[in-house]
C-alpha atoms as a PDB file:
ATOM      1  CA  MET A   1     138.251 169.765 153.613  1.00  0.00           C
ATOM      2  CA  TYR A   2     138.883 166.173 154.680  1.00  0.00           C
ATOM      3  CA  LYS A   3     135.982 163.812 154.052  1.00  0.00           C
ATOM      4  CA  LEU A   4     137.444 160.516 155.324  1.00  0.00           C
ATOM      5  CA  LEU A   5     139.333 160.082 158.604  1.00  0.00           C
ATOM      6  CA  CYS A   6     141.018 156.714 159.258  1.00  0.00           C
ATOM      7  CA  ILE A   7     142.338 156.108 162.765  1.00  0.00           C
ATOM      8  CA  ASP A   8     144.538 153.245 163.952  1.00  0.00           C
ATOM      9  CA  MET A   9     143.520 151.769 167.330  1.00  0.00           C
ATOM     10  CA  ASP A  10     146.369 150.549 169.549  1.00  0.00           C
ATOM     11  CA  GLY A  11     148.869 153.297 170.331  1.00  0.00           C
ATOM     12  CA  THR A  12     146.677 155.827 168.492  1.00  0.00           C
ATOM     13  CA  LEU A  13     142.941 155.968 169.273  1.00  0.00           C
ATOM     14  CA  LEU A  14     143.463 154.105 172.558  1.00  0.00           C
ATOM     15  CA  ASN A  15     145.693 155.468 175.298  1.00  0.00           C
ATOM     16  CA  SER A  16     148.073 153.325 177.394  1.00  0.00           C
ATOM     17  CA  GLU A  17     145.139 152.227 179.557  1.00  0.00           C
ATOM     18  CA  GLY A  18     143.279 150.979 176.472  1.00  0.00           C
ATOM     19  CA  ASN A  19     140.672 153.755 176.664  1.00  0.00           C
ATOM     20  CA  VAL A  20     139.386 156.513 174.369  1.00  0.00           C
ATOM     21  CA  THR A  21     139.684 159.841 176.204  1.00  0.00           C
ATOM     22  CA  GLU A  22     136.798 162.308 176.524  1.00  0.00           C
ATOM     23  CA  ARG A  23     138.590 164.932 174.420  1.00  0.00           C
ATOM     24  CA  THR A  24     139.243 162.414 171.629  1.00  0.00           C
ATOM     25  CA  LEU A  25     135.647 161.214 171.748  1.00  0.00           C
ATOM     26  CA  LYS A  26     134.374 164.801 171.527  1.00  0.00           C
ATOM     27  CA  ALA A  27     136.684 165.631 168.580  1.00  0.00           C
ATOM     28  CA  ILE A  28     135.613 162.520 166.638  1.00  0.00           C
ATOM     29  CA  LYS A  29     131.920 163.269 167.185  1.00  0.00           C
ATOM     30  CA  SER A  30     132.425 166.893 166.107  1.00  0.00           C
ATOM     31  CA  ALA A  31     134.211 165.761 162.930  1.00  0.00           C
ATOM     32  CA  HIS A  32     131.376 163.317 162.238  1.00  0.00           C
ATOM     33  CA  LYS A  33     128.815 166.118 162.667  1.00  0.00           C
ATOM     34  CA  LYS A  34     130.730 168.099 160.025  1.00  0.00           C
ATOM     35  CA  GLY A  35     130.101 165.223 157.603  1.00  0.00           C
ATOM     36  CA  VAL A  36     133.472 163.473 157.900  1.00  0.00           C
ATOM     37  CA  ILE A  37     133.339 159.671 157.607  1.00  0.00           C
ATOM     38  CA  VAL A  38     135.343 158.296 160.534  1.00  0.00           C
ATOM     39  CA  THR A  39     136.656 154.740 160.396  1.00  0.00           C
ATOM     40  CA  VAL A  40     138.661 152.579 162.774  1.00  0.00           C
ATOM     41  CA  CYS A  41     141.585 150.944 160.946  1.00  0.00           C
ATOM     42  CA  THR A  42     143.279 148.188 162.931  1.00  0.00           C
ATOM     43  CA  GLY A  43     145.219 144.954 162.911  1.00  0.00           C
ATOM     44  CA  ARG A  44     142.718 143.537 165.395  1.00  0.00           C
ATOM     45  CA  ILE A  45     139.913 141.182 164.408  1.00  0.00           C
ATOM     46  CA  TYR A  46     136.570 142.664 163.372  1.00  0.00           C
ATOM     47  CA  THR A  47     134.687 141.784 166.594  1.00  0.00           C
ATOM     48  CA  SER A  48     137.201 143.711 168.712  1.00  0.00           C
ATOM     49  CA  ALA A  49     137.308 146.680 166.308  1.00  0.00           C
ATOM     50  CA  LYS A  50     133.487 146.809 166.229  1.00  0.00           C
ATOM     51  CA  TYR A  51     133.352 147.238 170.010  1.00  0.00           C
ATOM     52  CA  TYR A  52     135.548 150.356 169.856  1.00  0.00           C
ATOM     53  CA  ALA A  53     133.812 151.685 166.754  1.00  0.00           C
ATOM     54  CA  GLU A  54     130.545 151.555 168.695  1.00  0.00           C
ATOM     55  CA  LEU A  55     132.273 153.185 171.649  1.00  0.00           C
ATOM     56  CA  ILE A  56     133.213 156.257 169.596  1.00  0.00           C
ATOM     57  CA  GLY A  57     129.571 156.426 168.617  1.00  0.00           C
ATOM     58  CA  VAL A  58     129.708 157.134 164.909  1.00  0.00           C
ATOM     59  CA  LYS A  59     128.240 155.145 162.024  1.00  0.00           C
ATOM     60  CA  ALA A  60     131.308 154.032 160.117  1.00  0.00           C
ATOM     61  CA  PRO A  61     132.757 151.101 158.233  1.00  0.00           C
ATOM     62  CA  ILE A  62     135.586 149.204 159.923  1.00  0.00           C
ATOM     63  CA  ILE A  63     138.942 148.239 158.430  1.00  0.00           C
ATOM     64  CA  ALA A  64     140.116 145.182 160.399  1.00  0.00           C
ATOM     65  CA  LEU A  65     142.950 142.653 160.232  1.00  0.00           C
ATOM     66  CA  ASN A  66     145.388 145.158 158.691  1.00  0.00           C
ATOM     67  CA  GLY A  67     143.126 145.801 155.724  1.00  0.00           C
ATOM     68  CA  ALA A  68     142.222 142.191 154.915  1.00  0.00           C
ATOM     69  CA  TYR A  69     138.603 142.877 155.887  1.00  0.00           C
ATOM     70  CA  ILE A  70     136.322 145.902 155.475  1.00  0.00           C
ATOM     71  CA  ARG A  71     132.784 145.792 156.757  1.00  0.00           C
ATOM     72  CA  GLU A  72     129.934 148.183 157.442  1.00  0.00           C
ATOM     73  CA  LYS A  73     129.181 147.593 161.109  1.00  0.00           C
ATOM     74  CA  ASP A  74     125.643 149.006 160.894  1.00  0.00           C
ATOM     75  CA  LYS A  75     124.554 147.288 157.667  1.00  0.00           C
ATOM     76  CA  ASN A  76     126.599 144.108 158.140  1.00  0.00           C
ATOM     77  CA  GLU A  77     127.805 144.473 154.571  1.00  0.00           C
ATOM     78  CA  VAL A  78     131.265 143.101 153.697  1.00  0.00           C
ATOM     79  CA  ILE A  79     132.974 145.597 151.394  1.00  0.00           C
ATOM     80  CA  TYR A  80     136.272 143.741 150.981  1.00  0.00           C
ATOM     81  CA  LYS A  81     137.852 140.461 152.102  1.00  0.00           C
ATOM     82  CA  SER A  82     141.188 138.783 151.295  1.00  0.00           C
ATOM     83  CA  VAL A  83     141.581 135.147 152.373  1.00  0.00           C
ATOM     84  CA  LEU A  84     144.985 133.554 153.085  1.00  0.00           C
ATOM     85  CA  GLY A  85     143.935 130.041 152.015  1.00  0.00           C
ATOM     86  CA  LYS A  86     144.970 126.620 153.334  1.00  0.00           C
ATOM     87  CA  GLU A  87     148.301 126.287 151.461  1.00  0.00           C
ATOM     88  CA  ASN A  88     149.548 129.687 152.632  1.00  0.00           C
ATOM     89  CA  CYS A  89     148.502 128.938 156.207  1.00  0.00           C
ATOM     90  CA  ILE A  90     150.569 125.730 156.141  1.00  0.00           C
ATOM     91  CA  LYS A  91     153.629 127.624 154.812  1.00  0.00           C
ATOM     92  CA  ILE A  92     153.363 130.205 157.615  1.00  0.00           C
ATOM     93  CA  LEU A  93     152.876 127.480 160.240  1.00  0.00           C
ATOM     94  CA  ASN A  94     155.972 125.561 159.080  1.00  0.00           C
ATOM     95  CA  ILE A  95     158.205 128.629 159.365  1.00  0.00           C
ATOM     96  CA  ALA A  96     156.799 129.529 162.780  1.00  0.00           C
ATOM     97  CA  LYS A  97     157.364 125.961 164.051  1.00  0.00           C
ATOM     98  CA  LYS A  98     160.970 126.123 162.842  1.00  0.00           C
ATOM     99  CA  TYR A  99     161.584 129.017 165.251  1.00  0.00           C
ATOM    100  CA  GLY A 100     159.404 127.673 168.081  1.00  0.00           C
ATOM    101  CA  LEU A 101     156.799 130.436 167.692  1.00  0.00           C
ATOM    102  CA  TYR A 102     153.098 130.201 168.562  1.00  0.00           C
ATOM    103  CA  LEU A 103     150.678 131.446 165.920  1.00  0.00           C
ATOM    104  CA  HIS A 104     147.267 133.080 166.112  1.00  0.00           C
ATOM    105  CA  PHE A 105     145.250 132.731 162.913  1.00  0.00           C
ATOM    106  CA  ASN A 106     142.393 135.220 162.639  1.00  0.00           C
ATOM    107  CA  THR A 107     139.003 135.061 160.952  1.00  0.00           C
ATOM    108  CA  PRO A 108     136.846 138.211 161.253  1.00  0.00           C
ATOM    109  CA  ASP A 109     135.334 136.818 164.465  1.00  0.00           C
ATOM    110  CA  VAL A 110     137.581 134.016 165.773  1.00  0.00           C
ATOM    111  CA  VAL A 111     141.119 133.786 167.141  1.00  0.00           C
ATOM    112  CA  ILE A 112     142.565 130.328 166.413  1.00  0.00           C
ATOM    113  CA  THR A 113     145.561 129.136 168.434  1.00  0.00           C
ATOM    114  CA  GLU A 114     147.047 126.063 170.078  1.00  0.00           C
ATOM    115  CA  LYS A 115     147.987 127.941 173.253  1.00  0.00           C
ATOM    116  CA  ILE A 116     146.382 130.831 175.139  1.00  0.00           C
ATOM    117  CA  ILE A 117     149.330 133.186 175.063  1.00  0.00           C
ATOM    118  CA  HIS A 118     150.029 136.839 174.176  1.00  0.00           C
ATOM    119  CA  SER A 119     147.142 138.229 172.047  1.00  0.00           C
ATOM    120  CA  SER A 120     144.707 135.386 172.826  1.00  0.00           C
ATOM    121  CA  GLU A 121     145.525 135.816 176.503  1.00  0.00           C
ATOM    122  CA  LYS A 122     144.777 139.540 176.168  1.00  0.00           C
ATOM    123  CA  TYR A 123     141.454 138.800 174.437  1.00  0.00           C
ATOM    124  CA  ALA A 124     140.564 136.160 177.071  1.00  0.00           C
ATOM    125  CA  LYS A 125     141.171 138.743 179.813  1.00  0.00           C
ATOM    126  CA  MET A 126     139.018 141.311 177.996  1.00  0.00           C
ATOM    127  CA  ASN A 127     136.239 138.710 177.658  1.00  0.00           C
ATOM    128  CA  GLU A 128     135.958 138.536 181.459  1.00  0.00           C
ATOM    129  CA  THR A 129     134.448 142.032 181.572  1.00  0.00           C
ATOM    130  CA  MET A 130     132.727 142.075 178.167  1.00  0.00           C
ATOM    131  CA  PRO A 131     129.018 141.395 177.570  1.00  0.00           C
ATOM    132  CA  LYS A 132     128.559 137.971 175.932  1.00  0.00           C
ATOM    133  CA  ASP A 133     127.717 139.383 172.477  1.00  0.00           C
ATOM    134  CA  LYS A 134     130.924 141.480 172.485  1.00  0.00           C
ATOM    135  CA  GLN A 135     133.301 138.686 173.509  1.00  0.00           C
ATOM    136  CA  ILE A 136     136.050 137.390 171.217  1.00  0.00           C
ATOM    137  CA  ALA A 137     135.688 133.729 170.251  1.00  0.00           C
ATOM    138  CA  ILE A 138     138.933 131.834 170.927  1.00  0.00           C
ATOM    139  CA  GLU A 139     139.301 128.362 169.439  1.00  0.00           C
ATOM    140  CA  LEU A 140     142.014 125.975 170.625  1.00  0.00           C
ATOM    141  CA  VAL A 141     143.476 123.796 167.879  1.00  0.00           C
ATOM    142  CA  LYS A 142     143.985 120.064 168.138  1.00  0.00           C
ATOM    143  CA  ASN A 143     144.859 119.482 164.480  1.00  0.00           C
ATOM    144  CA  TRP A 144     146.025 122.373 162.290  1.00  0.00           C
ATOM    145  CA  ASN A 145     145.215 120.571 159.046  1.00  0.00           C
ATOM    146  CA  ASP A 146     141.581 120.065 160.065  1.00  0.00           C
ATOM    147  CA  THR A 147     141.380 123.678 161.239  1.00  0.00           C
ATOM    148  CA  PHE A 148     142.771 125.065 157.969  1.00  0.00           C
ATOM    149  CA  GLU A 149     140.237 122.941 156.091  1.00  0.00           C
ATOM    150  CA  LYS A 150     137.359 124.149 158.272  1.00  0.00           C
ATOM    151  CA  TYR A 151     138.306 127.838 157.942  1.00  0.00           C
ATOM    152  CA  SER A 152     139.757 127.762 154.405  1.00  0.00           C
ATOM    153  CA  ASP A 153     137.487 130.639 153.301  1.00  0.00           C
ATOM    154  CA  GLU A 154     137.693 132.604 156.541  1.00  0.00           C
ATOM    155  CA  ILE A 155     141.319 132.943 157.745  1.00  0.00           C
ATOM    156  CA  LEU A 156     142.487 136.411 156.732  1.00  0.00           C
ATOM    157  CA  LYS A 157     145.539 137.081 158.890  1.00  0.00           C
ATOM    158  CA  CYS A 158     148.110 135.421 161.091  1.00  0.00           C
ATOM    159  CA  ILE A 159     149.979 137.073 163.957  1.00  0.00           C
ATOM    160  CA  THR A 160     152.808 135.806 166.108  1.00  0.00           C
ATOM    161  CA  ILE A 161     154.177 137.493 169.206  1.00  0.00           C
ATOM    162  CA  ASP A 162     157.255 136.506 171.204  1.00  0.00           C
ATOM    163  CA  ASP A 163     159.492 138.115 173.814  1.00  0.00           C
ATOM    164  CA  ASP A 164     162.517 136.770 171.919  1.00  0.00           C
ATOM    165  CA  LYS A 165     162.775 139.542 169.317  1.00  0.00           C
ATOM    166  CA  GLU A 166     165.668 137.785 167.583  1.00  0.00           C
ATOM    167  CA  LYS A 167     163.421 134.807 166.746  1.00  0.00           C
ATOM    168  CA  ILE A 168     160.674 137.155 165.547  1.00  0.00           C
ATOM    169  CA  LEU A 169     163.098 138.990 163.272  1.00  0.00           C
ATOM    170  CA  LYS A 170     164.529 135.797 161.741  1.00  0.00           C
ATOM    171  CA  ALA A 171     161.104 134.276 161.039  1.00  0.00           C
ATOM    172  CA  LYS A 172     159.871 137.599 159.640  1.00  0.00           C
ATOM    173  CA  GLU A 173     162.881 137.866 157.307  1.00  0.00           C
ATOM    174  CA  GLU A 174     162.219 134.345 156.024  1.00  0.00           C
ATOM    175  CA  LEU A 175     158.534 135.083 155.384  1.00  0.00           C
ATOM    176  CA  LEU A 176     159.405 138.308 153.558  1.00  0.00           C
ATOM    177  CA  LYS A 177     161.132 136.181 150.880  1.00  0.00           C
ATOM    178  CA  TYR A 178     157.766 134.728 149.860  1.00  0.00           C
ATOM    179  CA  GLU A 179     156.070 136.679 147.057  1.00  0.00           C
ATOM    180  CA  GLU A 180     152.592 135.628 148.195  1.00  0.00           C
ATOM    181  CA  PHE A 181     152.768 137.326 151.607  1.00  0.00           C
ATOM    182  CA  GLU A 182     152.478 140.820 153.014  1.00  0.00           C
ATOM    183  CA  VAL A 183     154.423 140.859 156.301  1.00  0.00           C
ATOM    184  CA  VAL A 184     154.349 143.822 158.715  1.00  0.00           C
ATOM    185  CA  SER A 185     154.788 144.509 162.418  1.00  0.00           C
ATOM    186  CA  SER A 186     152.451 146.460 164.676  1.00  0.00           C
ATOM    187  CA  TRP A 187     154.990 146.275 167.526  1.00  0.00           C
ATOM    188  CA  ASN A 188     158.665 145.313 167.788  1.00  0.00           C
ATOM    189  CA  ASN A 189     157.853 141.899 169.296  1.00  0.00           C
ATOM    190  CA  ASN A 190     155.465 140.674 166.562  1.00  0.00           C
ATOM    191  CA  PHE A 191     154.784 140.233 162.875  1.00  0.00           C
ATOM    192  CA  GLU A 192     151.512 139.849 161.016  1.00  0.00           C
ATOM    193  CA  VAL A 193     151.020 137.992 157.734  1.00  0.00           C
ATOM    194  CA  MET A 194     148.329 138.633 155.116  1.00  0.00           C
ATOM    195  CA  CYS A 195     148.008 137.967 151.379  1.00  0.00           C
ATOM    196  CA  LYS A 196     150.275 140.003 149.101  1.00  0.00           C
ATOM    197  CA  GLY A 197     148.806 143.436 148.395  1.00  0.00           C
ATOM    198  CA  VAL A 198     146.802 143.549 151.616  1.00  0.00           C
ATOM    199  CA  SER A 199     147.561 146.628 153.702  1.00  0.00           C
ATOM    200  CA  LYS A 200     145.804 149.395 155.562  1.00  0.00           C
ATOM    201  CA  GLY A 201     146.719 151.738 152.713  1.00  0.00           C
ATOM    202  CA  ARG A 202     145.071 149.501 150.109  1.00  0.00           C
ATOM    203  CA  ALA A 203     141.985 149.183 152.338  1.00  0.00           C
ATOM    204  CA  VAL A 204     141.749 152.982 152.676  1.00  0.00           C
ATOM    205  CA  GLU A 205     141.959 153.205 148.877  1.00  0.00           C
ATOM    206  CA  VAL A 206     139.135 150.641 148.508  1.00  0.00           C
ATOM    207  CA  LEU A 207     137.014 152.520 151.047  1.00  0.00           C
ATOM    208  CA  ALA A 208     137.671 155.852 149.325  1.00  0.00           C
ATOM    209  CA  GLY A 209     136.472 154.303 146.062  1.00  0.00           C
ATOM    210  CA  PHE A 210     133.381 152.940 147.809  1.00  0.00           C
ATOM    211  CA  TYR A 211     132.492 156.482 148.981  1.00  0.00           C
ATOM    212  CA  ASN A 212     133.842 158.262 145.878  1.00  0.00           C
ATOM    213  CA  ILE A 213     136.344 160.274 147.919  1.00  0.00           C
ATOM    214  CA  ASN A 214     139.600 161.649 146.471  1.00  0.00           C
ATOM    215  CA  ARG A 215     142.967 160.800 147.987  1.00  0.00           C
ATOM    216  CA  GLU A 216     143.548 164.483 148.887  1.00  0.00           C
ATOM    217  CA  GLU A 217     140.389 164.415 151.012  1.00  0.00           C
ATOM    218  CA  ILE A 218     141.681 161.639 153.298  1.00  0.00           C
ATOM    219  CA  MET A 219     143.415 162.007 156.656  1.00  0.00           C
ATOM    220  CA  CYS A 220     144.999 158.974 158.354  1.00  0.00           C
ATOM    221  CA  ILE A 221     146.495 158.722 161.845  1.00  0.00           C
ATOM    222  CA  GLY A 222     148.799 155.926 163.069  1.00  0.00           C
ATOM    223  CA  ASP A 223     151.882 155.001 165.052  1.00  0.00           C
ATOM    224  CA  ASN A 224     153.592 151.880 163.699  1.00  0.00           C
ATOM    225  CA  GLU A 225     154.939 149.984 160.669  1.00  0.00           C
ATOM    226  CA  ASN A 226     151.541 148.581 159.665  1.00  0.00           C
ATOM    227  CA  ASP A 227     150.224 152.187 159.441  1.00  0.00           C
ATOM    228  CA  ILE A 228     152.866 153.424 156.977  1.00  0.00           C
ATOM    229  CA  SER A 229     150.901 152.369 153.878  1.00  0.00           C
ATOM    230  CA  MET A 230     147.805 154.344 154.887  1.00  0.00           C
ATOM    231  CA  LEU A 231     149.784 157.405 156.040  1.00  0.00           C
ATOM    232  CA  SER A 232     151.614 157.382 152.692  1.00  0.00           C
ATOM    233  CA  TYR A 233     148.378 157.016 150.713  1.00  0.00           C
ATOM    234  CA  ALA A 234     146.445 159.747 152.546  1.00  0.00           C
ATOM    235  CA  GLY A 235     146.294 163.391 151.535  1.00  0.00           C
ATOM    236  CA  LEU A 236     147.410 164.019 155.121  1.00  0.00           C
ATOM    237  CA  GLY A 237     149.335 161.345 157.019  1.00  0.00           C
ATOM    238  CA  VAL A 238     149.593 162.026 160.754  1.00  0.00           C
ATOM    239  CA  ALA A 239     152.018 160.153 163.018  1.00  0.00           C
ATOM    240  CA  MET A 240     151.496 159.892 166.761  1.00  0.00           C
ATOM    241  CA  GLY A 241     154.052 161.463 169.110  1.00  0.00           C
ATOM    242  CA  ASN A 242     154.548 158.013 170.628  1.00  0.00           C
ATOM    243  CA  GLY A 243     154.965 156.473 167.159  1.00  0.00           C
ATOM    244  CA  GLU A 244     158.098 154.814 165.786  1.00  0.00           C
ATOM    245  CA  SER A 245     160.715 157.231 164.400  1.00  0.00           C
ATOM    246  CA  PHE A 246     160.463 155.709 160.876  1.00  0.00           C
ATOM    247  CA  VAL A 247     156.710 156.407 160.893  1.00  0.00           C
ATOM    248  CA  LYS A 248     157.260 160.026 161.917  1.00  0.00           C
ATOM    249  CA  GLU A 249     159.773 160.409 159.069  1.00  0.00           C
ATOM    250  CA  ILE A 250     157.224 159.569 156.361  1.00  0.00           C
ATOM    251  CA  ALA A 251     154.327 161.485 157.980  1.00  0.00           C
ATOM    252  CA  ASP A 252     153.166 164.943 156.884  1.00  0.00           C
ATOM    253  CA  PHE A 253     152.574 165.929 160.492  1.00  0.00           C
ATOM    254  CA  VAL A 254     153.467 164.586 163.947  1.00  0.00           C
ATOM    255  CA  THR A 255     150.829 165.098 166.636  1.00  0.00           C
ATOM    256  CA  ASP A 256     151.014 164.553 170.408  1.00  0.00           C
ATOM    257  CA  THR A 257     151.119 161.100 172.060  1.00  0.00           C
ATOM    258  CA  ASN A 258     148.184 158.745 172.653  1.00  0.00           C
ATOM    259  CA  ASP A 259     148.320 159.659 176.362  1.00  0.00           C
ATOM    260  CA  ASP A 260     148.125 163.381 175.575  1.00  0.00           C
ATOM    261  CA  ASP A 261     145.133 163.427 173.202  1.00  0.00           C
ATOM    262  CA  GLY A 262     147.216 163.273 170.022  1.00  0.00           C
ATOM    263  CA  VAL A 263     144.244 162.159 167.908  1.00  0.00           C
ATOM    264  CA  ALA A 264     141.995 164.910 169.287  1.00  0.00           C
ATOM    265  CA  LYS A 265     144.660 167.579 168.689  1.00  0.00           C
ATOM    266  CA  ALA A 266     145.138 166.483 165.058  1.00  0.00           C
ATOM    267  CA  ILE A 267     141.376 166.491 164.407  1.00  0.00           C
ATOM    268  CA  GLU A 268     141.000 169.918 166.043  1.00  0.00           C
ATOM    269  CA  LYS A 269     143.868 171.343 163.986  1.00  0.00           C
ATOM    270  CA  PHE A 270     143.019 169.956 160.547  1.00  0.00           C
ATOM    271  CA  ILE A 271     139.273 169.342 160.586  1.00  0.00           C
ATOM    272  CA  LEU A 272     137.594 171.464 163.234  1.00  0.00           C
ATOM    273  CA  GLU A 273     139.536 174.743 163.062  1.00  0.00           C
END
């Protein structure tokens, strides 16, 4: 019997329209009624993850920012947090500048950028239809040094997105040489940087320890490179049908796509049947 279910958001829990389907919602609620702890596990910032966690309607902790932050959404208790720190932020910024890339530094609640582009543009668009208390705070930078000083204890992750995949790949390869960074992609046009040792898999392990749950009792579902660590750690790692081929290769099971209720079908098969 699985006691902990960790679900990635984009490309997994959410379909192509950015919605949670009725069948998926029903399956999650049924699993929760059976006593399974269901958690959203995402690269997104906490505020955004919290909105969807509330949407699926179960009391659960949230793993945000690729595992750099774990928080109980109902008790407001921070379970785990891994800060990048000012010096690391400067190193990342220098490499990004070298390749002409725009960065988004993330605290649990704020997106920090010098240009509204890509992910901040997406968040800004979402804000237009969100209630005020659910909106994502976006802060435009005038001076990076001052910003890194101000948020020295709060910046947990950095993400850069660019349509020039060659530039992304070169900058990512350079960052991978640094021992102090964990660098992964959640899509083929981006990379995300956290402190070394930070991953969704490590966060799932921390959460399992918090609830005293064995590895064999964990089921994780995801679709991309940043999900590999948690799929590998879980007793049952499930890859989405729309997932990358290298994710499917390491998974124990491949379910249907995010547009064909892949999450619901996996929950029905392994938890509800």
